[in-house]
Structures are given as structure tokens and as C-alpha cells.
Amino acid sequence: MITARTKARKRALDILFAAEAQGIAATDLLDERIAAGDLANPYTADLVRGVAAHATRIDELLAEYSRDWPLERMPAVDRNVLRLGVFELLAGPEDVPSHVAISEAVELSQALSTDESPQFVNGVLGAIEKDRPSLD
């Protein structure tokens, strides 16, 4: 079953990915999409704004936890899936359990990236989740 939040995560990923590819701020692209009436679920906006607001910390954590894969070497899809996942794990709504955030990120990478991506995404997010009490 595809939930409204699953769709919102996919839309947020689309915006984060497109903004990075175009070299523009994700929040600017988000605002364009909202102005065009191309955004129905407010959770999409929450995710994009959350990732943007916490971008520095999120990327620091990804650099630390994906030791052998610097951010710039990761496929852009994986990088942005991980950003969404880290945001939901550490700063997202309290009603999103950790296992759901990780599972949703893995599913996005499975659908949109390489064969190795789901395992990589699961490993990085799982390690961050394990250390979460010391990261807050």
C-alpha cells in the first residue's frame, strides 16, 4: 500500500534531486512548485524544508557514516535519499518510527537507484539510528 507520506517522500526526493542537478536551492524549487500548484501534500514541503534547514549537519553525518563513500562520489539519488532518511531519523516528526524512515529510504533507493544502493542506504541509516542517542 502506498501511503500519502510515501508519495510525499518521493516528491521531496524529486525536488531535492532536481534542485541539486540544477544548482539551485531546494527551497526555491519547492516554492516554485507550490506557486505552480504542483504540490498537494504538505509533508513534502516539511521534508524539503527540513533537509534544507539541517543540510550541514546531515551532510556531516553522512560523511562520517559512509566512510568509504564521500558524498560527491555517491549517486545523486542515494545522496538525497540518505538526506531525507537522516532528517526523518533525527529531526522529523515524532510519529515517524525509525524503522519506517529507514524502510522508506531503502524502498526509494530500491526503486530509483543501483542494485547495491538499498543495502548501502540501509547500512548507513541503520548505523546512524544505532548511534542516535549520542547524536541528538
N, C-alpha and C. Protein backbone atom coordinates (compact mmCIF):
# COMPACT_ATOMS: atom_id res chain seq x y z
N MET A 1 0.83 -1.19 0.00
CA MET A 1 0.00 0.00 0.00
C MET A 1 0.88 1.25 0.00
N ILE A 2 0.59 2.15 -0.89
CA ILE A 2 1.33 3.40 -0.97
C ILE A 2 0.57 4.45 -0.16
N THR A 3 1.23 4.95 0.86
CA THR A 3 0.60 5.95 1.73
C THR A 3 0.86 7.36 1.20
N ALA A 4 0.12 8.30 1.76
CA ALA A 4 0.33 9.70 1.38
C ALA A 4 1.75 10.15 1.74
N ARG A 5 2.27 9.66 2.86
CA ARG A 5 3.64 10.04 3.24
C ARG A 5 4.67 9.40 2.32
N THR A 6 4.40 8.20 1.83
CA THR A 6 5.31 7.57 0.87
C THR A 6 5.39 8.43 -0.39
N LYS A 7 4.24 8.87 -0.87
CA LYS A 7 4.20 9.74 -2.05
C LYS A 7 4.91 11.06 -1.75
N ALA A 8 4.72 11.60 -0.56
CA ALA A 8 5.37 12.86 -0.18
C ALA A 8 6.88 12.71 -0.17
N ARG A 9 7.36 11.58 0.32
CA ARG A 9 8.81 11.33 0.33
C ARG A 9 9.36 11.29 -1.10
N LYS A 10 8.63 10.63 -1.98
CA LYS A 10 9.05 10.54 -3.39
C LYS A 10 9.10 11.92 -4.02
N ARG A 11 8.08 12.74 -3.76
CA ARG A 11 8.05 14.11 -4.30
C ARG A 11 9.19 14.94 -3.71
N ALA A 12 9.43 14.79 -2.41
CA ALA A 12 10.53 15.52 -1.79
C ALA A 12 11.86 15.11 -2.41
N LEU A 13 12.03 13.82 -2.64
CA LEU A 13 13.25 13.34 -3.29
C LEU A 13 13.38 13.94 -4.68
N ASP A 14 12.29 13.98 -5.43
CA ASP A 14 12.31 14.57 -6.77
C ASP A 14 12.78 16.02 -6.72
N ILE A 15 12.27 16.76 -5.75
CA ILE A 15 12.64 18.19 -5.62
C ILE A 15 14.10 18.33 -5.21
N LEU A 16 14.54 17.56 -4.21
CA LEU A 16 15.93 17.64 -3.76
C LEU A 16 16.89 17.28 -4.90
N PHE A 17 16.56 16.21 -5.62
CA PHE A 17 17.40 15.75 -6.72
C PHE A 17 17.46 16.80 -7.84
N ALA A 18 16.30 17.31 -8.23
CA ALA A 18 16.24 18.29 -9.32
C ALA A 18 16.96 19.58 -8.94
N ALA A 19 16.79 20.02 -7.71
CA ALA A 19 17.45 21.25 -7.27
C ALA A 19 18.96 21.08 -7.30
N GLU A 20 19.44 19.94 -6.84
CA GLU A 20 20.88 19.69 -6.88
C GLU A 20 21.39 19.66 -8.32
N ALA A 21 20.66 18.98 -9.19
CA ALA A 21 21.06 18.88 -10.59
C ALA A 21 21.10 20.25 -11.28
N GLN A 22 20.17 21.14 -10.88
CA GLN A 22 20.08 22.47 -11.48
C GLN A 22 20.96 23.49 -10.76
N GLY A 23 21.53 23.10 -9.63
CA GLY A 23 22.38 24.01 -8.88
C GLY A 23 21.61 25.15 -8.22
N ILE A 24 20.39 24.85 -7.81
CA ILE A 24 19.58 25.86 -7.13
C ILE A 24 19.19 25.35 -5.75
N ALA A 25 18.73 26.25 -4.91
CA ALA A 25 18.30 25.86 -3.57
C ALA A 25 17.02 25.03 -3.66
N ALA A 26 16.98 23.96 -2.89
CA ALA A 26 15.81 23.09 -2.89
C ALA A 26 14.56 23.86 -2.45
N THR A 27 14.72 24.78 -1.52
CA THR A 27 13.55 25.55 -1.06
C THR A 27 13.03 26.48 -2.15
N ASP A 28 13.92 26.98 -3.01
CA ASP A 28 13.48 27.81 -4.13
C ASP A 28 12.66 26.99 -5.12
N LEU A 29 13.14 25.79 -5.43
CA LEU A 29 12.40 24.92 -6.33
C LEU A 29 11.07 24.50 -5.69
N LEU A 30 11.09 24.22 -4.42
CA LEU A 30 9.87 23.90 -3.69
C LEU A 30 8.86 25.04 -3.81
N ASP A 31 9.31 26.27 -3.57
CA ASP A 31 8.42 27.42 -3.66
C ASP A 31 7.85 27.58 -5.06
N GLU A 32 8.67 27.30 -6.08
CA GLU A 32 8.18 27.35 -7.47
C GLU A 32 7.07 26.33 -7.68
N ARG A 33 7.29 25.12 -7.17
CA ARG A 33 6.30 24.05 -7.34
C ARG A 33 5.00 24.38 -6.60
N ILE A 34 5.14 24.96 -5.41
CA ILE A 34 3.95 25.35 -4.64
C ILE A 34 3.19 26.44 -5.39
N ALA A 35 3.91 27.45 -5.90
CA ALA A 35 3.28 28.55 -6.63
C ALA A 35 2.56 28.05 -7.89
N ALA A 36 3.12 27.00 -8.50
CA ALA A 36 2.52 26.44 -9.72
C ALA A 36 1.36 25.50 -9.39
N GLY A 37 1.09 25.30 -8.11
CA GLY A 37 0.01 24.40 -7.72
C GLY A 37 0.37 22.95 -7.92
N ASP A 38 1.68 22.66 -7.94
CA ASP A 38 2.17 21.32 -8.23
C ASP A 38 2.57 20.56 -6.97
N LEU A 39 1.92 20.88 -5.87
CA LEU A 39 2.29 20.22 -4.61
C LEU A 39 1.06 20.10 -3.73
N ALA A 40 0.57 18.88 -3.58
CA ALA A 40 -0.67 18.67 -2.84
C ALA A 40 -0.43 18.34 -1.36
N ASN A 41 0.64 17.61 -1.07
CA ASN A 41 0.86 17.11 0.28
C ASN A 41 1.82 18.01 1.05
N PRO A 42 1.37 18.60 2.14
CA PRO A 42 2.25 19.49 2.92
C PRO A 42 3.46 18.77 3.51
N TYR A 43 3.39 17.44 3.65
CA TYR A 43 4.55 16.72 4.19
C TYR A 43 5.75 16.80 3.25
N THR A 44 5.50 16.90 1.96
CA THR A 44 6.59 17.10 1.01
C THR A 44 7.36 18.37 1.35
N ALA A 45 6.63 19.45 1.57
CA ALA A 45 7.26 20.73 1.91
C ALA A 45 8.00 20.63 3.23
N ASP A 46 7.42 19.95 4.21
CA ASP A 46 8.08 19.77 5.50
C ASP A 46 9.42 19.06 5.33
N LEU A 47 9.42 18.02 4.50
CA LEU A 47 10.66 17.27 4.28
C LEU A 47 11.72 18.11 3.58
N VAL A 48 11.34 18.77 2.51
CA VAL A 48 12.32 19.58 1.76
C VAL A 48 12.88 20.69 2.64
N ARG A 49 11.99 21.38 3.34
CA ARG A 49 12.46 22.47 4.22
C ARG A 49 13.31 21.93 5.37
N GLY A 50 12.93 20.79 5.89
CA GLY A 50 13.71 20.18 6.97
C GLY A 50 15.10 19.78 6.54
N VAL A 51 15.19 19.13 5.38
CA VAL A 51 16.51 18.74 4.86
C VAL A 51 17.35 20.00 4.62
N ALA A 52 16.74 21.02 4.04
CA ALA A 52 17.49 22.27 3.76
C ALA A 52 17.95 22.93 5.05
N ALA A 53 17.09 22.96 6.05
CA ALA A 53 17.43 23.62 7.32
C ALA A 53 18.54 22.90 8.07
N HIS A 54 18.63 21.59 7.91
CA HIS A 54 19.61 20.78 8.63
C HIS A 54 20.71 20.24 7.70
N ALA A 55 20.85 20.84 6.53
CA ALA A 55 21.75 20.30 5.50
C ALA A 55 23.18 20.11 5.97
N THR A 56 23.72 21.06 6.67
CA THR A 56 25.12 20.98 7.10
C THR A 56 25.31 19.78 8.03
N ARG A 57 24.47 19.67 9.04
CA ARG A 57 24.59 18.55 10.00
C ARG A 57 24.33 17.22 9.31
N ILE A 58 23.33 17.17 8.45
CA ILE A 58 23.03 15.93 7.74
C ILE A 58 24.23 15.48 6.92
N ASP A 59 24.82 16.39 6.16
CA ASP A 59 25.96 16.02 5.32
C ASP A 59 27.18 15.65 6.16
N GLU A 60 27.35 16.29 7.31
CA GLU A 60 28.45 15.90 8.21
C GLU A 60 28.27 14.46 8.66
N LEU A 61 27.06 14.12 9.06
CA LEU A 61 26.78 12.75 9.49
C LEU A 61 26.97 11.75 8.36
N LEU A 62 26.50 12.10 7.18
CA LEU A 62 26.67 11.19 6.04
C LEU A 62 28.14 10.99 5.72
N ALA A 63 28.92 12.04 5.79
CA ALA A 63 30.36 11.91 5.54
C ALA A 63 31.00 11.00 6.58
N GLU A 64 30.56 11.12 7.81
CA GLU A 64 31.13 10.30 8.89
C GLU A 64 30.70 8.84 8.78
N TYR A 65 29.44 8.59 8.47
CA TYR A 65 28.91 7.23 8.48
C TYR A 65 29.05 6.48 7.16
N SER A 66 29.39 7.16 6.11
CA SER A 66 29.62 6.48 4.82
C SER A 66 31.09 6.61 4.46
N ARG A 67 31.91 6.24 5.41
CA ARG A 67 33.36 6.44 5.36
C ARG A 67 33.99 6.24 3.98
N ASP A 68 33.71 5.13 3.36
CA ASP A 68 34.37 4.82 2.09
C ASP A 68 33.72 5.47 0.88
N TRP A 69 32.62 6.17 1.11
CA TRP A 69 31.91 6.81 0.01
C TRP A 69 31.69 8.29 0.32
N PRO A 70 32.62 9.14 -0.11
CA PRO A 70 32.41 10.58 0.08
C PRO A 70 31.11 11.00 -0.62
N LEU A 71 30.47 12.02 -0.09
CA LEU A 71 29.20 12.48 -0.64
C LEU A 71 29.27 12.71 -2.15
N GLU A 72 30.35 13.33 -2.60
CA GLU A 72 30.44 13.66 -4.03
C GLU A 72 30.59 12.42 -4.92
N ARG A 73 30.97 11.28 -4.35
CA ARG A 73 31.10 10.04 -5.13
C ARG A 73 29.81 9.23 -5.15
N MET A 74 28.92 9.52 -4.24
CA MET A 74 27.65 8.78 -4.18
C MET A 74 26.78 9.15 -5.38
N PRO A 75 25.99 8.20 -5.85
CA PRO A 75 24.98 8.58 -6.84
C PRO A 75 24.08 9.65 -6.22
N ALA A 76 23.69 10.62 -7.01
CA ALA A 76 22.88 11.74 -6.51
C ALA A 76 21.58 11.26 -5.88
N VAL A 77 21.00 10.21 -6.42
CA VAL A 77 19.76 9.68 -5.84
C VAL A 77 20.04 9.18 -4.42
N ASP A 78 21.10 8.40 -4.25
CA ASP A 78 21.43 7.87 -2.93
C ASP A 78 21.71 8.99 -1.94
N ARG A 79 22.45 9.97 -2.37
CA ARG A 79 22.80 11.09 -1.50
C ARG A 79 21.53 11.78 -0.99
N ASN A 80 20.58 12.00 -1.87
CA ASN A 80 19.35 12.69 -1.47
C ASN A 80 18.38 11.78 -0.71
N VAL A 81 18.36 10.51 -1.02
CA VAL A 81 17.58 9.56 -0.22
C VAL A 81 18.12 9.53 1.20
N LEU A 82 19.44 9.49 1.32
CA LEU A 82 20.06 9.47 2.65
C LEU A 82 19.77 10.77 3.42
N ARG A 83 19.80 11.87 2.73
CA ARG A 83 19.48 13.15 3.39
C ARG A 83 18.06 13.12 3.95
N LEU A 84 17.12 12.64 3.16
CA LEU A 84 15.74 12.52 3.65
C LEU A 84 15.67 11.59 4.85
N GLY A 85 16.34 10.45 4.74
CA GLY A 85 16.31 9.48 5.83
C GLY A 85 16.91 10.02 7.12
N VAL A 86 18.04 10.68 7.01
CA VAL A 86 18.68 11.24 8.20
C VAL A 86 17.78 12.31 8.82
N PHE A 87 17.20 13.15 7.98
CA PHE A 87 16.29 14.17 8.53
C PHE A 87 15.16 13.51 9.29
N GLU A 88 14.51 12.52 8.69
CA GLU A 88 13.39 11.88 9.38
C GLU A 88 13.82 11.17 10.66
N LEU A 89 15.01 10.59 10.65
CA LEU A 89 15.50 9.91 11.85
C LEU A 89 15.78 10.88 12.99
N LEU A 90 16.41 11.99 12.68
CA LEU A 90 16.93 12.86 13.73
C LEU A 90 16.07 14.09 14.03
N ALA A 91 15.33 14.57 13.04
CA ALA A 91 14.61 15.83 13.26
C ALA A 91 13.18 15.80 12.71
N GLY A 92 12.78 14.69 12.18
CA GLY A 92 11.45 14.60 11.59
C GLY A 92 10.37 14.46 12.65
N PRO A 93 9.14 14.33 12.21
CA PRO A 93 8.02 14.22 13.15
C PRO A 93 8.18 13.00 14.06
N GLU A 94 7.75 13.15 15.28
CA GLU A 94 7.89 12.06 16.26
C GLU A 94 7.01 10.87 15.93
N ASP A 95 5.98 11.06 15.11
CA ASP A 95 5.10 9.94 14.78
C ASP A 95 5.64 9.07 13.64
N VAL A 96 6.87 9.36 13.18
CA VAL A 96 7.50 8.50 12.18
C VAL A 96 8.54 7.64 12.90
N PRO A 97 8.23 6.35 13.12
CA PRO A 97 9.19 5.48 13.78
C PRO A 97 10.46 5.33 12.94
N SER A 98 11.56 5.10 13.62
CA SER A 98 12.85 4.96 12.93
C SER A 98 12.81 3.89 11.85
N HIS A 99 12.22 2.75 12.19
CA HIS A 99 12.20 1.66 11.20
C HIS A 99 11.42 2.04 9.95
N VAL A 100 10.42 2.89 10.09
CA VAL A 100 9.65 3.35 8.93
C VAL A 100 10.50 4.29 8.07
N ALA A 101 11.20 5.22 8.71
CA ALA A 101 12.05 6.15 7.97
C ALA A 101 13.12 5.38 7.19
N ILE A 102 13.72 4.39 7.83
CA ILE A 102 14.77 3.60 7.16
C ILE A 102 14.17 2.77 6.04
N SER A 103 13.07 2.11 6.31
CA SER A 103 12.42 1.27 5.31
C SER A 103 11.99 2.07 4.08
N GLU A 104 11.43 3.24 4.31
CA GLU A 104 11.00 4.09 3.20
C GLU A 104 12.20 4.54 2.37
N ALA A 105 13.30 4.88 3.02
CA ALA A 105 14.51 5.29 2.29
C ALA A 105 15.05 4.13 1.47
N VAL A 106 15.07 2.96 2.04
CA VAL A 106 15.55 1.77 1.33
C VAL A 106 14.66 1.51 0.11
N GLU A 107 13.36 1.63 0.29
CA GLU A 107 12.44 1.39 -0.83
C GLU A 107 12.64 2.41 -1.95
N LEU A 108 12.87 3.66 -1.59
CA LEU A 108 13.15 4.68 -2.63
C LEU A 108 14.42 4.33 -3.39
N SER A 109 15.46 3.94 -2.67
CA SER A 109 16.71 3.61 -3.35
C SER A 109 16.56 2.36 -4.20
N GLN A 110 15.75 1.43 -3.73
CA GLN A 110 15.50 0.20 -4.49
C GLN A 110 14.79 0.50 -5.81
N ALA A 111 13.86 1.42 -5.77
CA ALA A 111 13.08 1.76 -6.96
C ALA A 111 13.83 2.66 -7.92
N LEU A 112 14.75 3.48 -7.40
CA LEU A 112 15.31 4.55 -8.23
C LEU A 112 16.82 4.54 -8.43
N SER A 113 17.53 3.63 -7.78
CA SER A 113 18.99 3.70 -7.87
C SER A 113 19.57 2.34 -8.26
N THR A 114 20.82 2.12 -7.90
CA THR A 114 21.54 0.92 -8.31
C THR A 114 21.15 -0.29 -7.48
N ASP A 115 21.57 -1.46 -7.91
CA ASP A 115 21.28 -2.69 -7.18
C ASP A 115 21.91 -2.71 -5.80
N GLU A 116 23.04 -2.04 -5.64
CA GLU A 116 23.75 -2.01 -4.36
C GLU A 116 23.20 -0.94 -3.41
N SER A 117 22.45 -0.01 -3.94
CA SER A 117 22.00 1.13 -3.15
C SER A 117 21.14 0.78 -1.93
N PRO A 118 20.17 -0.12 -2.05
CA PRO A 118 19.34 -0.40 -0.87
C PRO A 118 20.16 -0.88 0.34
N GLN A 119 21.12 -1.75 0.10
CA GLN A 119 21.96 -2.25 1.19
C GLN A 119 22.81 -1.12 1.77
N PHE A 120 23.35 -0.28 0.91
CA PHE A 120 24.16 0.86 1.35
C PHE A 120 23.32 1.82 2.19
N VAL A 121 22.16 2.20 1.68
CA VAL A 121 21.27 3.12 2.39
C VAL A 121 20.86 2.53 3.74
N ASN A 122 20.50 1.26 3.75
CA ASN A 122 20.11 0.59 4.99
C ASN A 122 21.27 0.60 5.99
N GLY A 123 22.47 0.31 5.53
CA GLY A 123 23.64 0.27 6.42
C GLY A 123 23.95 1.62 7.03
N VAL A 124 23.97 2.66 6.21
CA VAL A 124 24.28 4.00 6.70
C VAL A 124 23.21 4.48 7.68
N LEU A 125 21.95 4.36 7.30
CA LEU A 125 20.87 4.82 8.18
C LEU A 125 20.77 3.97 9.44
N GLY A 126 21.00 2.67 9.31
CA GLY A 126 20.98 1.80 10.49
C GLY A 126 22.06 2.17 11.49
N ALA A 127 23.25 2.51 10.99
CA ALA A 127 24.35 2.91 11.88
C ALA A 127 24.03 4.24 12.57
N ILE A 128 23.46 5.16 11.82
CA ILE A 128 23.08 6.45 12.41
C ILE A 128 22.00 6.24 13.46
N GLU A 129 21.03 5.40 13.17
CA GLU A 129 19.96 5.10 14.13
C GLU A 129 20.54 4.48 15.40
N LYS A 130 21.48 3.57 15.24
CA LYS A 130 22.08 2.90 16.40
C LYS A 130 22.77 3.94 17.32
N ASP A 131 23.41 4.93 16.72
CA ASP A 131 24.13 5.94 17.49
C ASP A 131 23.27 7.17 17.82
N ARG A 132 22.02 7.12 17.45
CA ARG A 132 21.14 8.27 17.60
C ARG A 132 21.14 8.91 18.98
N PRO A 133 21.11 8.13 20.06
CA PRO A 133 21.10 8.79 21.38
C PRO A 133 22.29 9.72 21.61
N SER A 134 23.43 9.39 21.03
CA SER A 134 24.60 10.24 21.21
C SER A 134 24.68 11.36 20.17
N LEU A 135 23.79 11.34 19.19
CA LEU A 135 23.82 12.35 18.11
C LEU A 135 22.86 13.50 18.36
N ASP A 136 21.84 13.28 19.18
CA ASP A 136 20.82 14.33 19.39
C ASP A 136 21.38 15.55 20.09
